[in-house]
Protein backbone atom coordinates (compact mmCIF):
# COMPACT_ATOMS: atom_id res chain seq x y z
CA UNK A 1 0.00 0.00 0.00
CA UNK A 2 1.45 3.42 -0.92
CA UNK A 3 2.44 5.65 1.94
CA UNK A 4 0.66 9.00 2.09
CA UNK A 5 3.06 11.89 2.36
CA UNK A 6 2.04 14.42 5.07
CA UNK A 7 1.26 17.96 3.99
CA UNK A 8 4.45 20.03 4.47
CA UNK A 9 2.64 22.94 6.17
CA UNK A 10 1.29 20.68 8.88
CA UNK A 11 4.78 19.63 10.00
CA UNK A 12 5.80 23.12 11.12
CA UNK A 13 3.89 23.25 14.38
CA UNK A 14 1.89 26.32 13.38
CA UNK A 15 4.94 28.49 12.64
CA UNK A 16 5.19 29.90 9.14
CA UNK A 17 7.36 32.77 7.99
CA UNK A 18 5.95 34.99 5.27
CA UNK A 19 8.74 34.17 2.82
CA UNK A 20 7.53 30.58 2.91
CA UNK A 21 3.93 31.80 2.86
CA UNK A 22 4.56 33.72 -0.35
CA UNK A 23 6.26 30.73 -1.93
CA UNK A 24 3.27 28.56 -1.01
CA UNK A 25 0.90 31.17 -2.43
CA UNK A 26 2.81 31.40 -5.69
CA UNK A 27 3.01 27.62 -6.08
CA UNK A 28 -0.64 27.15 -5.23
CA UNK A 29 -1.81 29.80 -7.66
CA UNK A 30 -0.35 27.62 -10.38
CA UNK A 31 -2.78 24.83 -9.44
CA UNK A 32 -6.49 24.38 -10.06
CA UNK A 33 -7.91 25.30 -6.63
CA UNK A 34 -5.41 27.54 -4.81
CA UNK A 35 -7.89 29.16 -2.43
CA UNK A 36 -7.83 26.36 0.14
CA UNK A 37 -4.04 26.28 0.27
CA UNK A 38 -3.81 30.07 0.62
CA UNK A 39 -6.44 29.94 3.34
CA UNK A 40 -4.45 27.30 5.19
CA UNK A 41 -1.30 29.43 4.94
CA UNK A 42 -3.20 32.46 6.24
CA UNK A 43 -4.56 30.45 9.15
CA UNK A 44 -1.04 29.38 10.03
CA UNK A 45 0.07 33.02 9.97
CA UNK A 46 -2.84 33.83 12.31
CA UNK A 47 -1.00 32.68 15.43
CA UNK A 48 -3.88 33.48 17.78
CA UNK A 49 -6.40 31.76 15.49
CA UNK A 50 -8.80 34.70 15.43
CA UNK A 51 -9.54 34.44 11.71
CA UNK A 52 -7.61 37.60 10.78
CA UNK A 53 -4.25 39.33 10.82
CA UNK A 54 -3.63 43.07 10.87
CA UNK A 55 -3.27 44.76 7.49
CA UNK A 56 -0.16 46.62 8.68
CA UNK A 57 1.51 43.32 9.60
CA UNK A 58 0.55 41.70 6.31
CA UNK A 59 1.77 44.74 4.34
CA UNK A 60 5.10 44.69 6.16
CA UNK A 61 5.60 41.01 5.44
CA UNK A 62 4.47 41.11 1.81
CA UNK A 63 6.67 44.09 0.92
CA UNK A 64 9.69 43.05 2.96
CA UNK A 65 10.13 39.29 2.71
CA UNK A 66 10.39 36.61 0.07
CA UNK A 67 9.12 37.59 -3.35
CA UNK A 68 8.50 41.21 -2.40
CA UNK A 69 5.31 42.85 -3.58
CA UNK A 70 5.11 46.55 -4.32
CA UNK A 71 3.00 48.82 -2.14
CA UNK A 72 0.62 49.17 -5.08
CA UNK A 73 0.21 45.38 -5.40
CA UNK A 74 -0.48 45.09 -1.67
CA UNK A 75 -2.95 48.00 -1.87
CA UNK A 76 -4.84 46.17 -4.62
CA UNK A 77 -4.98 42.92 -2.63
CA UNK A 78 -6.09 44.68 0.53
CA UNK A 79 -8.73 46.64 -1.38
CA UNK A 80 -10.12 43.47 -2.94
CA UNK A 81 -10.01 41.67 0.41
CA UNK A 82 -12.23 44.34 1.96
CA UNK A 83 -10.05 45.40 4.88
CA UNK A 84 -12.26 46.93 7.52
CA UNK A 85 -11.83 50.20 9.38
CA UNK A 86 -10.36 48.12 12.22
CA UNK A 87 -7.40 47.22 9.99
CA UNK A 88 -8.09 43.51 10.01
CA UNK A 89 -7.48 41.23 7.02
CA UNK A 90 -9.79 38.26 7.35
CA UNK A 91 -8.17 35.04 6.21
CA UNK A 92 -11.04 33.81 4.05
CA UNK A 93 -11.59 37.16 2.34
CA UNK A 94 -7.89 37.53 1.62
CA UNK A 95 -7.62 34.02 0.15
CA UNK A 96 -10.55 34.78 -2.16
CA UNK A 97 -9.09 38.17 -3.15
CA UNK A 98 -5.71 36.68 -4.01
CA UNK A 99 -7.35 33.97 -6.07
CA UNK A 100 -9.56 36.46 -7.93
CA UNK A 101 -6.69 38.86 -8.49
CA UNK A 102 -4.48 36.20 -10.01
CA UNK A 103 -7.29 34.79 -12.13
CA UNK A 104 -7.72 38.20 -13.77
CA UNK A 105 -4.07 38.27 -14.95
């Protein structure tokens, strides 16, 4: 019987740096249904498991680590994700926004 390989994100004990997160996002956007993988990566970045991370934190990570995004690219993602006045980026909304944004390209 073939051995099932564990998902690599699940082996990290909940810790995920944004450089890795961006790599996962990029790789998953190449596949058929990237939204679930992006959502899982966002949930791992949400250390307190509240369903969101702060927009300022996400911006800092996305423009400073890994495959760096421009401020304009981050602005577009945050706009599409519907960041509230409280500055929160909800994991599910962000995953959908990233998926939609990449599908348009």
